[in-house]
């Protein structure tokens, strides 16, 4: 699959499967390894905001935004691979979690 053909999570999952298979990396893609790699990438993402003010975090310089974009992509990639290995439908999981949160955290005045 060409990178430009990735349009949704299913395409991303397929592209990542192909990428890993071509490199014989699936053997390393255990839930433990993928979760750890995702956390490392999330920490790299956090570094970009560590000492920024809230205002600065809302408008990073273009070169900083490009770096942030790469880290967001890394987190998404590892999360997608983790969900794939564990056979988790991320959209269904998110939908269910939003429903749980709606019950747990009702809007003010509706409790």
N, C-alpha and C. Protein backbone atom coordinates (compact mmCIF):
# COMPACT_ATOMS: atom_id res chain seq x y z
N UNK A 1 0.85 -1.18 0.00
CA UNK A 1 0.00 0.00 0.00
C UNK A 1 0.89 1.24 0.00
N UNK A 2 0.56 2.19 -0.85
CA UNK A 2 1.30 3.44 -0.90
C UNK A 2 0.84 4.34 0.25
N UNK A 3 1.76 5.13 0.75
CA UNK A 3 1.45 5.99 1.88
C UNK A 3 0.30 6.95 1.59
N UNK A 4 0.20 7.42 0.37
CA UNK A 4 -0.88 8.34 0.00
C UNK A 4 -2.24 7.68 -0.01
N UNK A 5 -2.26 6.33 0.01
CA UNK A 5 -3.53 5.60 -0.02
C UNK A 5 -4.15 5.43 1.36
N UNK A 6 -3.46 5.84 2.41
CA UNK A 6 -3.97 5.69 3.77
C UNK A 6 -5.00 6.79 4.03
N UNK A 7 -6.26 6.37 4.24
CA UNK A 7 -7.35 7.32 4.41
C UNK A 7 -8.07 7.19 5.75
N UNK A 8 -7.93 6.04 6.43
CA UNK A 8 -8.63 5.82 7.69
C UNK A 8 -7.85 4.82 8.54
N UNK A 9 -8.38 4.48 9.70
CA UNK A 9 -7.66 3.57 10.61
C UNK A 9 -7.45 2.19 10.00
N UNK A 10 -8.40 1.71 9.24
CA UNK A 10 -8.25 0.39 8.60
C UNK A 10 -7.10 0.42 7.60
N UNK A 11 -7.01 1.47 6.81
CA UNK A 11 -5.89 1.61 5.87
C UNK A 11 -4.56 1.72 6.61
N UNK A 12 -4.55 2.50 7.69
CA UNK A 12 -3.33 2.65 8.47
C UNK A 12 -2.89 1.30 9.04
N UNK A 13 -3.83 0.56 9.60
CA UNK A 13 -3.52 -0.76 10.15
C UNK A 13 -2.94 -1.67 9.06
N UNK A 14 -3.54 -1.67 7.90
CA UNK A 14 -3.06 -2.51 6.79
C UNK A 14 -1.65 -2.09 6.36
N UNK A 15 -1.43 -0.79 6.26
CA UNK A 15 -0.10 -0.30 5.86
C UNK A 15 0.95 -0.66 6.90
N UNK A 16 0.59 -0.56 8.17
CA UNK A 16 1.54 -0.90 9.23
C UNK A 16 1.83 -2.39 9.26
N UNK A 17 0.81 -3.21 8.99
CA UNK A 17 1.03 -4.66 8.90
C UNK A 17 2.02 -4.99 7.79
N UNK A 18 1.79 -4.36 6.64
CA UNK A 18 2.67 -4.59 5.49
C UNK A 18 4.09 -4.12 5.78
N UNK A 19 4.22 -2.94 6.36
CA UNK A 19 5.52 -2.38 6.69
C UNK A 19 6.29 -3.30 7.64
N UNK A 20 5.62 -3.78 8.68
CA UNK A 20 6.27 -4.67 9.65
C UNK A 20 6.60 -6.02 9.04
N UNK A 21 5.70 -6.54 8.22
CA UNK A 21 5.93 -7.85 7.60
C UNK A 21 7.13 -7.81 6.67
N UNK A 22 7.27 -6.74 5.91
CA UNK A 22 8.40 -6.61 4.99
C UNK A 22 9.75 -6.59 5.72
N UNK A 23 9.72 -6.21 6.96
CA UNK A 23 10.96 -6.10 7.75
C UNK A 23 11.09 -7.21 8.79
N UNK A 24 10.12 -8.12 8.81
CA UNK A 24 10.07 -9.22 9.78
C UNK A 24 10.06 -8.69 11.21
N UNK A 25 9.30 -7.62 11.44
CA UNK A 25 9.22 -7.00 12.76
C UNK A 25 8.06 -7.51 13.60
N UNK A 26 7.11 -8.23 13.00
CA UNK A 26 5.93 -8.66 13.76
C UNK A 26 6.33 -9.47 14.99
N UNK A 27 7.43 -10.18 14.90
CA UNK A 27 7.88 -10.98 16.04
C UNK A 27 8.17 -10.12 17.28
N UNK A 28 8.48 -8.87 17.06
CA UNK A 28 8.79 -7.95 18.16
C UNK A 28 7.57 -7.16 18.64
N UNK A 29 6.48 -7.26 17.90
CA UNK A 29 5.30 -6.45 18.19
C UNK A 29 4.38 -7.14 19.19
N UNK A 30 4.90 -7.32 20.39
CA UNK A 30 4.10 -7.85 21.49
C UNK A 30 3.40 -6.68 22.16
N UNK A 31 2.31 -6.93 22.86
CA UNK A 31 1.65 -5.84 23.56
C UNK A 31 2.60 -5.08 24.49
N UNK A 32 3.44 -5.79 25.21
CA UNK A 32 4.40 -5.15 26.11
C UNK A 32 5.32 -4.21 25.35
N UNK A 33 5.93 -4.69 24.28
CA UNK A 33 6.87 -3.86 23.52
C UNK A 33 6.19 -2.66 22.88
N UNK A 34 5.01 -2.88 22.33
CA UNK A 34 4.30 -1.78 21.68
C UNK A 34 3.84 -0.73 22.68
N UNK A 35 3.35 -1.16 23.84
CA UNK A 35 2.93 -0.20 24.86
C UNK A 35 4.12 0.60 25.36
N UNK A 36 5.25 -0.06 25.56
CA UNK A 36 6.44 0.65 26.02
C UNK A 36 6.92 1.64 24.96
N UNK A 37 6.93 1.23 23.70
CA UNK A 37 7.37 2.13 22.62
C UNK A 37 6.43 3.33 22.51
N UNK A 38 5.13 3.09 22.69
CA UNK A 38 4.17 4.17 22.61
C UNK A 38 4.41 5.19 23.73
N UNK A 39 4.71 4.72 24.92
CA UNK A 39 4.97 5.62 26.05
C UNK A 39 6.24 6.43 25.81
N UNK A 40 7.26 5.82 25.24
CA UNK A 40 8.49 6.56 24.91
C UNK A 40 8.15 7.69 23.95
N UNK A 41 7.37 7.40 22.93
CA UNK A 41 6.99 8.42 21.95
C UNK A 41 6.11 9.49 22.58
N UNK A 42 5.21 9.08 23.48
CA UNK A 42 4.36 10.06 24.17
C UNK A 42 5.22 10.98 25.02
N UNK A 43 6.25 10.44 25.65
CA UNK A 43 7.16 11.28 26.44
C UNK A 43 7.89 12.26 25.54
N UNK A 44 8.29 11.83 24.35
CA UNK A 44 8.94 12.74 23.41
C UNK A 44 7.98 13.85 22.98
N UNK A 45 6.71 13.53 22.86
CA UNK A 45 5.70 14.53 22.55
C UNK A 45 5.58 15.54 23.69
N UNK A 46 5.53 15.05 24.90
CA UNK A 46 5.39 15.92 26.07
C UNK A 46 6.57 16.88 26.18
N UNK A 47 7.75 16.42 25.81
CA UNK A 47 8.95 17.28 25.90
C UNK A 47 8.78 18.61 25.16
N UNK A 48 8.03 18.59 24.09
CA UNK A 48 7.84 19.80 23.29
C UNK A 48 7.03 20.86 24.05
N UNK A 49 6.31 20.45 25.07
CA UNK A 49 5.45 21.37 25.81
C UNK A 49 5.92 21.58 27.25
N UNK A 50 6.98 20.89 27.64
CA UNK A 50 7.38 20.83 29.04
C UNK A 50 7.48 22.18 29.72
N UNK A 51 8.14 23.14 29.13
CA UNK A 51 8.33 24.43 29.79
C UNK A 51 7.58 25.56 29.09
N UNK A 52 6.68 25.21 28.21
CA UNK A 52 5.91 26.23 27.50
C UNK A 52 4.76 26.72 28.37
N UNK A 53 4.40 27.97 28.19
CA UNK A 53 3.20 28.48 28.83
C UNK A 53 1.99 27.92 28.08
N UNK A 54 0.81 27.99 28.68
CA UNK A 54 -0.37 27.54 27.93
C UNK A 54 -0.52 28.26 26.60
N UNK A 55 -0.23 29.54 26.58
CA UNK A 55 -0.33 30.32 25.33
C UNK A 55 0.69 29.83 24.30
N UNK A 56 1.93 29.61 24.73
CA UNK A 56 2.97 29.12 23.82
C UNK A 56 2.61 27.75 23.26
N UNK A 57 1.99 26.92 24.09
CA UNK A 57 1.65 25.57 23.63
C UNK A 57 0.58 25.59 22.53
N UNK A 58 -0.20 26.66 22.49
CA UNK A 58 -1.25 26.78 21.47
C UNK A 58 -0.74 27.23 20.11
N UNK A 59 0.45 27.81 20.09
CA UNK A 59 0.95 28.32 18.81
C UNK A 59 2.46 28.08 18.67
N UNK A 60 2.85 26.81 18.54
CA UNK A 60 4.28 26.52 18.37
C UNK A 60 4.78 27.04 17.02
N UNK A 61 6.06 27.34 16.98
CA UNK A 61 6.70 27.77 15.72
C UNK A 61 6.57 26.65 14.69
N UNK A 62 6.58 26.98 13.41
CA UNK A 62 6.39 25.97 12.36
C UNK A 62 7.34 24.77 12.47
N UNK A 63 8.61 25.01 12.76
CA UNK A 63 9.55 23.88 12.86
C UNK A 63 9.23 23.02 14.08
N UNK A 64 8.80 23.64 15.17
CA UNK A 64 8.40 22.90 16.37
C UNK A 64 7.13 22.11 16.10
N UNK A 65 6.18 22.71 15.38
CA UNK A 65 4.95 22.02 15.03
C UNK A 65 5.23 20.79 14.17
N UNK A 66 6.20 20.88 13.28
CA UNK A 66 6.57 19.73 12.45
C UNK A 66 7.10 18.59 13.33
N UNK A 67 7.89 18.93 14.33
CA UNK A 67 8.41 17.91 15.25
C UNK A 67 7.27 17.31 16.08
N UNK A 68 6.34 18.14 16.54
CA UNK A 68 5.19 17.67 17.30
C UNK A 68 4.35 16.73 16.44
N UNK A 69 4.16 17.11 15.20
CA UNK A 69 3.40 16.27 14.26
C UNK A 69 4.02 14.89 14.12
N UNK A 70 5.35 14.82 14.03
CA UNK A 70 6.03 13.53 13.94
C UNK A 70 5.80 12.69 15.20
N UNK A 71 5.84 13.32 16.36
CA UNK A 71 5.64 12.57 17.61
C UNK A 71 4.20 12.09 17.73
N UNK A 72 3.25 12.93 17.32
CA UNK A 72 1.84 12.51 17.31
C UNK A 72 1.68 11.29 16.40
N UNK A 73 2.32 11.32 15.24
CA UNK A 73 2.25 10.19 14.31
C UNK A 73 2.85 8.94 14.94
N UNK A 74 3.98 9.08 15.63
CA UNK A 74 4.60 7.91 16.28
C UNK A 74 3.66 7.30 17.32
N UNK A 75 3.03 8.14 18.13
CA UNK A 75 2.10 7.64 19.14
C UNK A 75 0.92 6.92 18.46
N UNK A 76 0.37 7.53 17.42
CA UNK A 76 -0.75 6.92 16.70
C UNK A 76 -0.34 5.58 16.09
N UNK A 77 0.83 5.53 15.51
CA UNK A 77 1.30 4.29 14.89
C UNK A 77 1.41 3.17 15.92
N UNK A 78 2.07 3.45 17.04
CA UNK A 78 2.21 2.40 18.05
C UNK A 78 0.88 2.02 18.67
N UNK A 79 0.00 2.99 18.88
CA UNK A 79 -1.33 2.68 19.41
C UNK A 79 -2.11 1.80 18.43
N UNK A 80 -2.02 2.12 17.16
CA UNK A 80 -2.71 1.33 16.14
C UNK A 80 -2.16 -0.09 16.11
N UNK A 81 -0.85 -0.23 16.19
CA UNK A 81 -0.26 -1.57 16.20
C UNK A 81 -0.64 -2.35 17.46
N UNK A 82 -0.67 -1.68 18.60
CA UNK A 82 -1.07 -2.34 19.84
C UNK A 82 -2.51 -2.83 19.76
N UNK A 83 -3.39 -1.97 19.29
CA UNK A 83 -4.80 -2.37 19.13
C UNK A 83 -4.93 -3.52 18.14
N UNK A 84 -4.13 -3.51 17.09
CA UNK A 84 -4.18 -4.58 16.10
C UNK A 84 -3.76 -5.91 16.71
N UNK A 85 -2.66 -5.92 17.44
CA UNK A 85 -2.17 -7.16 18.06
C UNK A 85 -3.19 -7.72 19.06
N UNK A 86 -3.88 -6.83 19.77
CA UNK A 86 -4.86 -7.26 20.76
C UNK A 86 -6.28 -7.38 20.21
N UNK A 87 -6.42 -7.14 18.90
CA UNK A 87 -7.72 -7.22 18.22
C UNK A 87 -8.76 -6.29 18.87
N UNK A 88 -8.34 -5.06 19.10
CA UNK A 88 -9.23 -4.04 19.66
C UNK A 88 -9.66 -3.10 18.54
N UNK A 89 -10.95 -2.95 18.38
CA UNK A 89 -11.50 -1.97 17.45
C UNK A 89 -11.45 -0.62 18.16
N UNK A 90 -10.51 0.24 17.77
CA UNK A 90 -10.31 1.49 18.49
C UNK A 90 -11.52 2.42 18.41
N UNK A 91 -12.21 2.42 17.30
CA UNK A 91 -13.38 3.29 17.16
C UNK A 91 -14.49 2.81 18.09
N UNK A 92 -14.73 1.51 18.11
CA UNK A 92 -15.76 0.96 19.01
C UNK A 92 -15.36 1.20 20.47
N UNK A 93 -14.08 1.00 20.79
CA UNK A 93 -13.61 1.22 22.16
C UNK A 93 -13.80 2.68 22.56
N UNK A 94 -13.47 3.60 21.65
CA UNK A 94 -13.63 5.03 21.95
C UNK A 94 -15.11 5.39 22.11
N UNK A 95 -15.94 4.84 21.25
CA UNK A 95 -17.38 5.11 21.33
C UNK A 95 -17.93 4.65 22.69
N UNK A 96 -17.52 3.43 23.11
CA UNK A 96 -17.97 2.90 24.39
C UNK A 96 -17.43 3.73 25.56
N UNK A 97 -16.20 4.18 25.47
CA UNK A 97 -15.61 4.98 26.54
C UNK A 97 -16.29 6.34 26.65
N UNK A 98 -16.61 6.95 25.52
CA UNK A 98 -17.33 8.23 25.55
C UNK A 98 -18.69 8.06 26.22
N UNK A 99 -19.37 6.95 25.93
CA UNK A 99 -20.67 6.68 26.57
C UNK A 99 -20.50 6.51 28.08
N UNK A 100 -19.47 5.80 28.51
CA UNK A 100 -19.20 5.63 29.94
C UNK A 100 -18.89 6.98 30.59
N UNK A 101 -18.09 7.80 29.91
CA UNK A 101 -17.73 9.11 30.45
C UNK A 101 -18.94 10.03 30.54
N UNK A 102 -19.87 9.90 29.62
CA UNK A 102 -21.08 10.73 29.64
C UNK A 102 -21.91 10.44 30.89
N UNK A 103 -21.93 9.18 31.30
CA UNK A 103 -22.65 8.80 32.52
C UNK A 103 -21.87 9.26 33.74
N UNK A 104 -20.56 9.05 33.71
CA UNK A 104 -19.70 9.37 34.85
C UNK A 104 -19.56 10.88 35.07
N UNK A 105 -19.55 11.64 33.98
CA UNK A 105 -19.36 13.09 34.04
C UNK A 105 -20.48 13.81 33.30
N UNK A 106 -21.66 13.86 33.88
CA UNK A 106 -22.76 14.55 33.19
C UNK A 106 -22.49 16.05 33.13
N UNK A 107 -23.09 16.72 32.13
CA UNK A 107 -22.94 18.18 32.06
C UNK A 107 -23.46 18.84 33.34
N UNK A 108 -22.88 19.98 33.70
CA UNK A 108 -23.36 20.68 34.89
C UNK A 108 -24.87 20.92 34.82
N UNK A 109 -25.52 20.71 35.94
CA UNK A 109 -26.98 20.92 36.01
C UNK A 109 -27.80 19.73 35.56
N UNK A 110 -27.15 18.66 35.11
CA UNK A 110 -27.90 17.49 34.64
C UNK A 110 -27.61 16.23 35.49
N UNK A 111 -26.96 16.39 36.58
CA UNK A 111 -26.60 15.24 37.41
C UNK A 111 -27.77 14.67 38.15
